[in-house]
Amino acid sequence: MGAVLGLGVGVGLVLVWLSFSSPPPVRAVPARVGATRRLLDRAGLTGATVAGLWAVCGASAAVAFVSVSVLSHTTPVAVAFGLVSGYLPMATLTGRARRRQRELAEVWPEAVDNLASAVRAGLSLPEALIGLGHRGPEPLREPFVAFGIDYQVTGRFTDSLDRLKQRLADPVGDRVVEGLRIAREVGGGELGSLLRNLSGFLREDARTRSELESRQAWTVNGARLAVAAPWMVLLLLCFQREVIARYASPAGVVVLVVGAALSLVAYRLMLRIGRLPDERRVLS
C-alpha cells in the first residue's frame, strides 16, 4: 500500500514539474493568403496552385527567350522578350479575374431575385441557396452546388457560408453572403425586403459601372497599343540580323533598359489612371 501511495505521489510530482518546464503550446495561426492566391481565386481557378502559375510564367519566359535568341542571335533582345513573355500569364490571369468580376456583377441581381422568390414561396434560407445551384445564373451554379453539398454534410450554415465566400472570391458575393448571415442571425422577418432592396442596388451599380467602362475602353485600349507598338517593331527587326545586332552593344543595352523602364512606367500609369475603383471584399 505504501509503495502504491509513493508511486502516485511521484507521478504527481513529475506531472507538476512537466507543466512548468514544458514550453507553452503554439497555437496554429492561419497563414495569410498571398496576393497571387487571391488573384487565382478571383479568376475562378480555385483548383490551380501558385507554384503552377509561376511554372507557367517561367516556361513562357524560357520559350520566348530561346525563340528570339535563335531568331536574332542577340542575347539582350532575347532577355527583354523573355521577361515580357514571363509576365504575360500574370497579365492574362488579371484580365480573366476582372472579366469574371464583371460577369458576376451582371448576374448577381438575377440571383438575388431568385432568392427573394424562393423565400416568398416558403423555402428556408439554406434551401433557397441550394436551389441557386440548379436554377440560378450559370456562372454562379458551381459555387452554390458546392455549398449545398457542404451544408448537407456538415449541417452548419455559418461555416458553409464562409466556404461559399471563399469559393466566390467576389466583392458583391461578400455583401450578399454577409447580408444573408445577418438576416439569419437576427431573424428572417425582413429578409424579403432586404433581398429586393439589394437586388435594385446591385442592378443600378452594375449599370453605372458598365457605362463608365464602355466610355473609357477605347482610351485604355489605345494606351495599351501605344505601349506594345515599340516592342512589336523590335520583334520585326529580329528578321534583319545587321540591324538587331546593334542592340548587343553597350549602347544598345542601355536603349533596351531605358525603353523597358519607360514602357513599364507608362503601362502602370495608364492602368492607374484608367482603372475604376475596385470594390473591396467584406470581412474576407
C-alpha atoms as a PDB file:
ATOM      1  CA  MET A   1       0.000   0.000   0.000  1.00  0.00           C
ATOM      2  CA  GLY A   2       2.856   2.369   0.846  1.00  0.00           C
ATOM      3  CA  ALA A   3       4.539   1.565  -2.481  1.00  0.00           C
ATOM      4  CA  VAL A   4       1.386   2.464  -4.396  1.00  0.00           C
ATOM      5  CA  LEU A   5       0.993   5.691  -2.454  1.00  0.00           C
ATOM      6  CA  GLY A   6       4.623   6.613  -3.073  1.00  0.00           C
ATOM      7  CA  LEU A   7       4.277   5.836  -6.784  1.00  0.00           C
ATOM      8  CA  GLY A   8       1.198   8.075  -7.009  1.00  0.00           C
ATOM      9  CA  VAL A   9       2.969  10.951  -5.262  1.00  0.00           C
ATOM     10  CA  GLY A  10       5.962  10.536  -7.560  1.00  0.00           C
ATOM     11  CA  VAL A  11       3.848  10.579 -10.715  1.00  0.00           C
ATOM     12  CA  GLY A  12       2.018  13.670  -9.458  1.00  0.00           C
ATOM     13  CA  LEU A  13       5.289  15.497  -8.808  1.00  0.00           C
ATOM     14  CA  VAL A  14       6.566  14.586 -12.281  1.00  0.00           C
ATOM     15  CA  LEU A  15       3.390  15.919 -13.885  1.00  0.00           C
ATOM     16  CA  VAL A  16       3.635  19.166 -11.906  1.00  0.00           C
ATOM     17  CA  TRP A  17       7.261  19.588 -12.988  1.00  0.00           C
ATOM     18  CA  LEU A  18       6.392  18.936 -16.647  1.00  0.00           C
ATOM     19  CA  SER A  19       3.591  21.511 -16.539  1.00  0.00           C
ATOM     20  CA  PHE A  20       6.107  24.221 -15.587  1.00  0.00           C
ATOM     21  CA  SER A  21       9.070  23.074 -17.653  1.00  0.00           C
ATOM     22  CA  SER A  22       7.320  22.299 -20.957  1.00  0.00           C
ATOM     23  CA  PRO A  23       7.092  25.160 -23.467  1.00  0.00           C
ATOM     24  CA  PRO A  24       3.611  26.617 -23.934  1.00  0.00           C
ATOM     25  CA  PRO A  25       1.662  25.139 -26.822  1.00  0.00           C
ATOM     26  CA  VAL A  26       1.901  27.128 -30.018  1.00  0.00           C
ATOM     27  CA  ARG A  27      -1.465  27.989 -31.445  1.00  0.00           C
ATOM     28  CA  ALA A  28      -1.814  27.457 -35.125  1.00  0.00           C
ATOM     29  CA  VAL A  29      -2.099  30.798 -36.880  1.00  0.00           C
ATOM     30  CA  PRO A  30      -3.833  30.645 -40.225  1.00  0.00           C
ATOM     31  CA  ALA A  31      -1.452  31.543 -42.990  1.00  0.00           C
ATOM     32  CA  ARG A  32      -2.153  34.786 -44.736  1.00  0.00           C
ATOM     33  CA  VAL A  33      -3.449  34.350 -48.230  1.00  0.00           C
ATOM     34  CA  GLY A  34      -0.962  35.800 -50.676  1.00  0.00           C
ATOM     35  CA  ALA A  35      -1.810  38.193 -53.484  1.00  0.00           C
ATOM     36  CA  THR A  36      -1.199  35.516 -56.125  1.00  0.00           C
ATOM     37  CA  ARG A  37      -3.543  33.085 -54.389  1.00  0.00           C
ATOM     38  CA  ARG A  38      -6.234  35.761 -54.171  1.00  0.00           C
ATOM     39  CA  LEU A  39      -5.763  36.511 -57.870  1.00  0.00           C
ATOM     40  CA  LEU A  40      -6.257  32.838 -58.755  1.00  0.00           C
ATOM     41  CA  ASP A  41      -9.413  32.717 -56.636  1.00  0.00           C
ATOM     42  CA  ARG A  42     -10.815  35.882 -58.237  1.00  0.00           C
ATOM     43  CA  ALA A  43     -10.150  34.374 -61.660  1.00  0.00           C
ATOM     44  CA  GLY A  44     -12.172  31.290 -60.706  1.00  0.00           C
ATOM     45  CA  LEU A  45      -9.123  28.975 -60.727  1.00  0.00           C
ATOM     46  CA  THR A  46      -9.512  27.682 -57.181  1.00  0.00           C
ATOM     47  CA  GLY A  47      -8.007  24.338 -58.176  1.00  0.00           C
ATOM     48  CA  ALA A  48      -4.814  25.868 -59.572  1.00  0.00           C
ATOM     49  CA  THR A  49      -1.741  26.328 -57.399  1.00  0.00           C
ATOM     50  CA  VAL A  50       0.572  29.304 -57.041  1.00  0.00           C
ATOM     51  CA  ALA A  51       3.549  27.095 -57.885  1.00  0.00           C
ATOM     52  CA  GLY A  52       1.822  26.018 -61.083  1.00  0.00           C
ATOM     53  CA  LEU A  53       1.260  29.639 -62.102  1.00  0.00           C
ATOM     54  CA  TRP A  54       4.909  30.517 -61.535  1.00  0.00           C
ATOM     55  CA  ALA A  55       5.901  27.424 -63.506  1.00  0.00           C
ATOM     56  CA  VAL A  56       3.791  28.612 -66.455  1.00  0.00           C
ATOM     57  CA  CYS A  57       5.408  32.068 -66.226  1.00  0.00           C
ATOM     58  CA  GLY A  58       8.881  30.514 -66.188  1.00  0.00           C
ATOM     59  CA  ALA A  59       8.091  28.226 -69.126  1.00  0.00           C
ATOM     60  CA  SER A  60       6.682  31.139 -71.140  1.00  0.00           C
ATOM     61  CA  ALA A  61       9.784  33.217 -70.454  1.00  0.00           C
ATOM     62  CA  ALA A  62      12.100  30.331 -71.412  1.00  0.00           C
ATOM     63  CA  VAL A  63      10.270  29.627 -74.684  1.00  0.00           C
ATOM     64  CA  ALA A  64      10.326  33.300 -75.685  1.00  0.00           C
ATOM     65  CA  PHE A  65      13.995  33.661 -74.753  1.00  0.00           C
ATOM     66  CA  VAL A  66      15.043  30.630 -76.809  1.00  0.00           C
ATOM     67  CA  SER A  67      12.861  31.570 -79.790  1.00  0.00           C
ATOM     68  CA  VAL A  68      14.056  35.185 -80.010  1.00  0.00           C
ATOM     69  CA  SER A  69      17.639  34.123 -79.342  1.00  0.00           C
ATOM     70  CA  VAL A  70      17.542  31.693 -82.265  1.00  0.00           C
ATOM     71  CA  LEU A  71      15.865  34.295 -84.473  1.00  0.00           C
ATOM     72  CA  SER A  72      18.021  37.316 -83.648  1.00  0.00           C
ATOM     73  CA  HIS A  73      21.248  35.887 -82.155  1.00  0.00           C
ATOM     74  CA  THR A  74      21.141  38.865 -79.782  1.00  0.00           C
ATOM     75  CA  THR A  75      21.053  37.975 -76.097  1.00  0.00           C
ATOM     76  CA  PRO A  76      19.857  41.345 -74.696  1.00  0.00           C
ATOM     77  CA  VAL A  77      16.853  41.375 -77.024  1.00  0.00           C
ATOM     78  CA  ALA A  78      16.067  37.749 -76.137  1.00  0.00           C
ATOM     79  CA  VAL A  79      16.229  38.594 -72.427  1.00  0.00           C
ATOM     80  CA  ALA A  80      13.857  41.538 -72.915  1.00  0.00           C
ATOM     81  CA  PHE A  81      11.260  39.425 -74.725  1.00  0.00           C
ATOM     82  CA  GLY A  82      11.717  36.637 -72.197  1.00  0.00           C
ATOM     83  CA  LEU A  83      10.824  38.999 -69.361  1.00  0.00           C
ATOM     84  CA  VAL A  84       7.809  40.331 -71.256  1.00  0.00           C
ATOM     85  CA  SER A  85       6.601  36.798 -72.043  1.00  0.00           C
ATOM     86  CA  GLY A  86       7.113  35.739 -68.440  1.00  0.00           C
ATOM     87  CA  TYR A  87       4.682  38.447 -67.346  1.00  0.00           C
ATOM     88  CA  LEU A  88       2.044  37.567 -69.965  1.00  0.00           C
ATOM     89  CA  PRO A  89       0.429  34.689 -67.953  1.00  0.00           C
ATOM     90  CA  MET A  90       0.052  37.018 -64.962  1.00  0.00           C
ATOM     91  CA  ALA A  91      -1.476  39.736 -67.152  1.00  0.00           C
ATOM     92  CA  THR A  92      -3.833  37.195 -68.738  1.00  0.00           C
ATOM     93  CA  LEU A  93      -4.879  35.974 -65.297  1.00  0.00           C
ATOM     94  CA  THR A  94      -5.515  39.545 -64.129  1.00  0.00           C
ATOM     95  CA  GLY A  95      -7.698  40.194 -67.167  1.00  0.00           C
ATOM     96  CA  ARG A  96      -9.593  36.959 -66.554  1.00  0.00           C
ATOM     97  CA  ALA A  97     -10.217  37.968 -62.927  1.00  0.00           C
ATOM     98  CA  ARG A  98     -11.628  41.341 -63.998  1.00  0.00           C
ATOM     99  CA  ARG A  99     -13.842  39.770 -66.656  1.00  0.00           C
ATOM    100  CA  ARG A 100     -15.144  37.259 -64.132  1.00  0.00           C
ATOM    101  CA  GLN A 101     -15.878  40.028 -61.640  1.00  0.00           C
ATOM    102  CA  ARG A 102     -17.827  41.963 -64.296  1.00  0.00           C
ATOM    103  CA  GLU A 103     -19.692  38.804 -65.300  1.00  0.00           C
ATOM    104  CA  LEU A 104     -20.665  38.010 -61.717  1.00  0.00           C
ATOM    105  CA  ALA A 105     -21.723  41.620 -61.087  1.00  0.00           C
ATOM    106  CA  GLU A 106     -24.154  41.328 -64.018  1.00  0.00           C
ATOM    107  CA  VAL A 107     -25.771  38.088 -62.831  1.00  0.00           C
ATOM    108  CA  TRP A 108     -25.951  38.771 -59.073  1.00  0.00           C
ATOM    109  CA  PRO A 109     -29.208  40.807 -59.332  1.00  0.00           C
ATOM    110  CA  GLU A 110     -30.873  37.839 -61.035  1.00  0.00           C
ATOM    111  CA  ALA A 111     -29.544  35.505 -58.326  1.00  0.00           C
ATOM    112  CA  VAL A 112     -30.842  37.767 -55.548  1.00  0.00           C
ATOM    113  CA  ASP A 113     -34.255  37.979 -57.253  1.00  0.00           C
ATOM    114  CA  ASN A 114     -34.258  34.177 -57.369  1.00  0.00           C
ATOM    115  CA  LEU A 115     -33.523  34.063 -53.647  1.00  0.00           C
ATOM    116  CA  ALA A 116     -36.316  36.534 -52.890  1.00  0.00           C
ATOM    117  CA  SER A 117     -38.790  34.482 -54.925  1.00  0.00           C
ATOM    118  CA  ALA A 118     -37.757  31.280 -53.137  1.00  0.00           C
ATOM    119  CA  VAL A 119     -38.152  32.909 -49.720  1.00  0.00           C
ATOM    120  CA  ARG A 120     -41.605  34.254 -50.638  1.00  0.00           C
ATOM    121  CA  ALA A 121     -42.549  30.735 -51.763  1.00  0.00           C
ATOM    122  CA  GLY A 122     -41.890  29.492 -48.232  1.00  0.00           C
ATOM    123  CA  LEU A 123     -38.451  27.909 -48.621  1.00  0.00           C
ATOM    124  CA  SER A 124     -35.931  28.252 -45.840  1.00  0.00           C
ATOM    125  CA  LEU A 125     -32.805  30.289 -46.487  1.00  0.00           C
ATOM    126  CA  PRO A 126     -30.485  27.235 -46.840  1.00  0.00           C
ATOM    127  CA  GLU A 127     -32.946  25.628 -49.249  1.00  0.00           C
ATOM    128  CA  ALA A 128     -33.123  28.833 -51.307  1.00  0.00           C
ATOM    129  CA  LEU A 129     -29.334  28.992 -51.511  1.00  0.00           C
ATOM    130  CA  ILE A 130     -29.098  25.335 -52.504  1.00  0.00           C
ATOM    131  CA  GLY A 131     -31.698  25.985 -55.195  1.00  0.00           C
ATOM    132  CA  LEU A 132     -29.384  28.540 -56.841  1.00  0.00           C
ATOM    133  CA  GLY A 133     -27.113  25.628 -57.746  1.00  0.00           C
ATOM    134  CA  HIS A 134     -29.852  24.332 -60.072  1.00  0.00           C
ATOM    135  CA  ARG A 135     -31.980  27.366 -61.004  1.00  0.00           C
ATOM    136  CA  GLY A 136     -29.573  30.251 -60.600  1.00  0.00           C
ATOM    137  CA  PRO A 137     -27.448  32.012 -63.228  1.00  0.00           C
ATOM    138  CA  GLU A 138     -24.946  29.716 -64.920  1.00  0.00           C
ATOM    139  CA  PRO A 139     -21.734  31.428 -63.642  1.00  0.00           C
ATOM    140  CA  LEU A 140     -22.922  31.028 -60.029  1.00  0.00           C
ATOM    141  CA  ARG A 141     -24.212  27.482 -60.113  1.00  0.00           C
ATOM    142  CA  GLU A 142     -20.983  25.654 -59.327  1.00  0.00           C
ATOM    143  CA  PRO A 143     -20.231  27.511 -56.045  1.00  0.00           C
ATOM    144  CA  PHE A 144     -23.810  27.042 -54.834  1.00  0.00           C
ATOM    145  CA  VAL A 145     -23.826  23.348 -55.755  1.00  0.00           C
ATOM    146  CA  ALA A 146     -20.711  23.013 -53.595  1.00  0.00           C
ATOM    147  CA  PHE A 147     -22.490  24.993 -50.849  1.00  0.00           C
ATOM    148  CA  GLY A 148     -25.413  22.571 -50.953  1.00  0.00           C
ATOM    149  CA  ILE A 149     -23.158  19.549 -50.611  1.00  0.00           C
ATOM    150  CA  ASP A 150     -21.213  21.221 -47.823  1.00  0.00           C
ATOM    151  CA  TYR A 151     -24.365  22.157 -45.877  1.00  0.00           C
ATOM    152  CA  GLN A 152     -25.918  18.711 -46.280  1.00  0.00           C
ATOM    153  CA  VAL A 153     -22.748  17.058 -44.988  1.00  0.00           C
ATOM    154  CA  THR A 154     -21.977  19.383 -42.060  1.00  0.00           C
ATOM    155  CA  GLY A 155     -25.333  20.965 -41.227  1.00  0.00           C
ATOM    156  CA  ARG A 156     -23.516  24.163 -40.137  1.00  0.00           C
ATOM    157  CA  PHE A 157     -24.927  27.112 -42.036  1.00  0.00           C
ATOM    158  CA  THR A 158     -22.365  29.715 -40.909  1.00  0.00           C
ATOM    159  CA  ASP A 159     -19.346  27.572 -41.776  1.00  0.00           C
ATOM    160  CA  SER A 160     -20.863  26.707 -45.144  1.00  0.00           C
ATOM    161  CA  LEU A 161     -21.364  30.429 -45.847  1.00  0.00           C
ATOM    162  CA  ASP A 162     -17.707  31.089 -45.043  1.00  0.00           C
ATOM    163  CA  ARG A 163     -16.594  28.460 -47.529  1.00  0.00           C
ATOM    164  CA  LEU A 164     -19.055  29.837 -50.085  1.00  0.00           C
ATOM    165  CA  LYS A 165     -17.417  33.263 -49.771  1.00  0.00           C
ATOM    166  CA  GLN A 166     -14.038  31.664 -50.351  1.00  0.00           C
ATOM    167  CA  ARG A 167     -15.242  29.906 -53.495  1.00  0.00           C
ATOM    168  CA  LEU A 168     -16.919  33.015 -54.890  1.00  0.00           C
ATOM    169  CA  ALA A 169     -13.988  35.367 -54.106  1.00  0.00           C
ATOM    170  CA  ASP A 170     -16.163  38.267 -55.234  1.00  0.00           C
ATOM    171  CA  PRO A 171     -16.928  41.609 -53.503  1.00  0.00           C
ATOM    172  CA  VAL A 172     -20.600  41.521 -54.484  1.00  0.00           C
ATOM    173  CA  GLY A 173     -20.849  37.962 -53.239  1.00  0.00           C
ATOM    174  CA  ASP A 174     -19.382  39.064 -49.912  1.00  0.00           C
ATOM    175  CA  ARG A 175     -22.133  41.667 -49.491  1.00  0.00           C
ATOM    176  CA  VAL A 176     -24.850  39.155 -50.333  1.00  0.00           C
ATOM    177  CA  VAL A 177     -23.435  36.486 -48.023  1.00  0.00           C
ATOM    178  CA  GLU A 178     -22.975  38.864 -45.087  1.00  0.00           C
ATOM    179  CA  GLY A 179     -26.496  40.242 -45.569  1.00  0.00           C
ATOM    180  CA  LEU A 180     -27.884  36.701 -45.505  1.00  0.00           C
ATOM    181  CA  ARG A 181     -25.826  35.864 -42.438  1.00  0.00           C
ATOM    182  CA  ILE A 182     -27.177  38.879 -40.522  1.00  0.00           C
ATOM    183  CA  ALA A 183     -30.744  38.142 -41.616  1.00  0.00           C
ATOM    184  CA  ARG A 184     -30.335  34.553 -40.432  1.00  0.00           C
ATOM    185  CA  GLU A 185     -28.941  35.582 -37.039  1.00  0.00           C
ATOM    186  CA  VAL A 186     -31.467  38.316 -36.196  1.00  0.00           C
ATOM    187  CA  GLY A 187     -34.463  36.597 -37.746  1.00  0.00           C
ATOM    188  CA  GLY A 188     -35.701  36.477 -41.310  1.00  0.00           C
ATOM    189  CA  GLY A 189     -38.757  38.699 -40.991  1.00  0.00           C
ATOM    190  CA  GLU A 190     -37.291  41.384 -43.239  1.00  0.00           C
ATOM    191  CA  LEU A 191     -35.348  39.042 -45.494  1.00  0.00           C
ATOM    192  CA  GLY A 192     -37.623  39.529 -48.489  1.00  0.00           C
ATOM    193  CA  SER A 193     -37.412  43.331 -48.264  1.00  0.00           C
ATOM    194  CA  LEU A 194     -33.640  43.154 -47.784  1.00  0.00           C
ATOM    195  CA  LEU A 195     -33.208  40.991 -50.875  1.00  0.00           C
ATOM    196  CA  ARG A 196     -35.390  43.235 -53.047  1.00  0.00           C
ATOM    197  CA  ASN A 197     -33.504  46.358 -51.979  1.00  0.00           C
ATOM    198  CA  LEU A 198     -30.175  44.627 -52.520  1.00  0.00           C
ATOM    199  CA  SER A 199     -31.211  43.473 -55.980  1.00  0.00           C
ATOM    200  CA  GLY A 200     -32.149  47.012 -57.023  1.00  0.00           C
ATOM    201  CA  PHE A 201     -28.904  48.435 -55.680  1.00  0.00           C
ATOM    202  CA  LEU A 202     -26.778  45.791 -57.424  1.00  0.00           C
ATOM    203  CA  ARG A 203     -28.570  46.287 -60.727  1.00  0.00           C
ATOM    204  CA  GLU A 204     -28.081  50.069 -60.615  1.00  0.00           C
ATOM    205  CA  ASP A 205     -24.432  49.710 -59.615  1.00  0.00           C
ATOM    206  CA  ALA A 206     -23.747  47.255 -62.445  1.00  0.00           C
ATOM    207  CA  ARG A 207     -25.441  49.554 -64.983  1.00  0.00           C
ATOM    208  CA  THR A 208     -23.418  52.602 -63.899  1.00  0.00           C
ATOM    209  CA  ARG A 209     -20.143  50.704 -63.894  1.00  0.00           C
ATOM    210  CA  SER A 210     -20.830  49.225 -67.339  1.00  0.00           C
ATOM    211  CA  GLU A 211     -21.435  52.693 -68.805  1.00  0.00           C
ATOM    212  CA  LEU A 212     -18.190  54.030 -67.349  1.00  0.00           C
ATOM    213  CA  GLU A 213     -16.177  51.072 -68.606  1.00  0.00           C
ATOM    214  CA  SER A 214     -17.611  51.327 -72.121  1.00  0.00           C
ATOM    215  CA  ARG A 215     -16.738  55.038 -72.307  1.00  0.00           C
ATOM    216  CA  GLN A 216     -13.125  54.563 -71.280  1.00  0.00           C
ATOM    217  CA  ALA A 217     -12.489  51.281 -73.122  1.00  0.00           C
ATOM    218  CA  TRP A 218     -11.199  52.910 -76.310  1.00  0.00           C
ATOM    219  CA  THR A 219      -8.792  55.111 -74.326  1.00  0.00           C
ATOM    220  CA  VAL A 220      -7.361  52.184 -72.369  1.00  0.00           C
ATOM    221  CA  ASN A 221      -7.002  50.018 -75.483  1.00  0.00           C
ATOM    222  CA  GLY A 222      -5.267  52.860 -77.324  1.00  0.00           C
ATOM    223  CA  ALA A 223      -2.818  53.289 -74.465  1.00  0.00           C
ATOM    224  CA  ARG A 224      -2.045  49.560 -74.457  1.00  0.00           C
ATOM    225  CA  LEU A 225      -1.423  49.631 -78.191  1.00  0.00           C
ATOM    226  CA  ALA A 226       0.933  52.587 -77.777  1.00  0.00           C
ATOM    227  CA  VAL A 227       2.956  50.682 -75.175  1.00  0.00           C
ATOM    228  CA  ALA A 228       3.084  47.480 -77.241  1.00  0.00           C
ATOM    229  CA  ALA A 229       3.949  49.150 -80.593  1.00  0.00           C
ATOM    230  CA  PRO A 230       7.711  49.715 -79.965  1.00  0.00           C
ATOM    231  CA  TRP A 231       8.172  46.088 -78.915  1.00  0.00           C
ATOM    232  CA  MET A 232       6.335  44.822 -81.976  1.00  0.00           C
ATOM    233  CA  VAL A 233       8.686  46.900 -84.127  1.00  0.00           C
ATOM    234  CA  LEU A 234      11.664  45.463 -82.231  1.00  0.00           C
ATOM    235  CA  LEU A 235      10.367  41.946 -82.845  1.00  0.00           C
ATOM    236  CA  LEU A 236      10.111  42.640 -86.585  1.00  0.00           C
ATOM    237  CA  LEU A 237      13.674  43.935 -86.560  1.00  0.00           C
ATOM    238  CA  CYS A 238      14.818  40.477 -85.447  1.00  0.00           C
ATOM    239  CA  PHE A 239      14.492  39.384 -89.075  1.00  0.00           C
ATOM    240  CA  GLN A 240      17.244  41.871 -90.013  1.00  0.00           C
ATOM    241  CA  ARG A 241      20.394  40.479 -88.445  1.00  0.00           C
ATOM    242  CA  GLU A 242      22.588  43.507 -89.178  1.00  0.00           C
ATOM    243  CA  VAL A 243      20.153  45.924 -87.522  1.00  0.00           C
ATOM    244  CA  ILE A 244      19.252  43.838 -84.481  1.00  0.00           C
ATOM    245  CA  ALA A 245      22.908  43.028 -83.768  1.00  0.00           C
ATOM    246  CA  ARG A 246      23.446  46.661 -82.767  1.00  0.00           C
ATOM    247  CA  TYR A 247      21.436  46.020 -79.595  1.00  0.00           C
ATOM    248  CA  ALA A 248      24.182  43.678 -78.384  1.00  0.00           C
ATOM    249  CA  SER A 249      26.477  46.686 -77.856  1.00  0.00           C
ATOM    250  CA  PRO A 250      26.563  48.593 -74.539  1.00  0.00           C
ATOM    251  CA  ALA A 251      24.667  51.483 -76.104  1.00  0.00           C
ATOM    252  CA  GLY A 252      22.007  49.076 -77.408  1.00  0.00           C
ATOM    253  CA  VAL A 253      21.625  47.507 -73.956  1.00  0.00           C
ATOM    254  CA  VAL A 254      21.124  50.975 -72.456  1.00  0.00           C
ATOM    255  CA  VAL A 255      18.443  51.710 -75.050  1.00  0.00           C
ATOM    256  CA  LEU A 256      16.664  48.453 -74.218  1.00  0.00           C
ATOM    257  CA  VAL A 257      16.810  49.034 -70.463  1.00  0.00           C
ATOM    258  CA  VAL A 258      15.594  52.633 -70.722  1.00  0.00           C
ATOM    259  CA  GLY A 259      12.851  51.645 -73.167  1.00  0.00           C
ATOM    260  CA  ALA A 260      11.697  48.802 -70.923  1.00  0.00           C
ATOM    261  CA  ALA A 261      11.643  51.079 -67.866  1.00  0.00           C
ATOM    262  CA  LEU A 262       9.667  53.770 -69.696  1.00  0.00           C
ATOM    263  CA  SER A 263       7.232  51.190 -71.067  1.00  0.00           C
ATOM    264  CA  LEU A 264       6.682  49.735 -67.596  1.00  0.00           C
ATOM    265  CA  VAL A 265       6.133  53.152 -66.015  1.00  0.00           C
ATOM    266  CA  ALA A 266       3.771  54.212 -68.812  1.00  0.00           C
ATOM    267  CA  TYR A 267       1.819  50.953 -68.590  1.00  0.00           C
ATOM    268  CA  ARG A 268       1.402  51.137 -64.819  1.00  0.00           C
ATOM    269  CA  LEU A 269       0.454  54.812 -65.030  1.00  0.00           C
ATOM    270  CA  MET A 270      -2.096  54.039 -67.727  1.00  0.00           C
ATOM    271  CA  LEU A 271      -3.637  51.313 -65.572  1.00  0.00           C
ATOM    272  CA  ARG A 272      -3.809  53.584 -62.537  1.00  0.00           C
ATOM    273  CA  ILE A 273      -5.413  56.449 -64.470  1.00  0.00           C
ATOM    274  CA  GLY A 274      -7.851  54.336 -66.476  1.00  0.00           C
ATOM    275  CA  ARG A 275      -8.929  51.838 -63.814  1.00  0.00           C
ATOM    276  CA  LEU A 276     -12.183  52.322 -61.985  1.00  0.00           C
ATOM    277  CA  PRO A 277     -12.089  51.944 -58.181  1.00  0.00           C
ATOM    278  CA  ASP A 278     -12.053  48.268 -57.264  1.00  0.00           C
ATOM    279  CA  GLU A 279     -14.616  47.077 -54.766  1.00  0.00           C
ATOM    280  CA  ARG A 280     -13.074  45.780 -51.553  1.00  0.00           C
ATOM    281  CA  ARG A 281     -14.118  42.443 -50.154  1.00  0.00           C
ATOM    282  CA  VAL A 282     -16.147  42.459 -46.945  1.00  0.00           C
ATOM    283  CA  LEU A 283     -14.760  40.554 -43.939  1.00  0.00           C
ATOM    284  CA  SER A 284     -12.689  38.299 -46.187  1.00  0.00           C
END
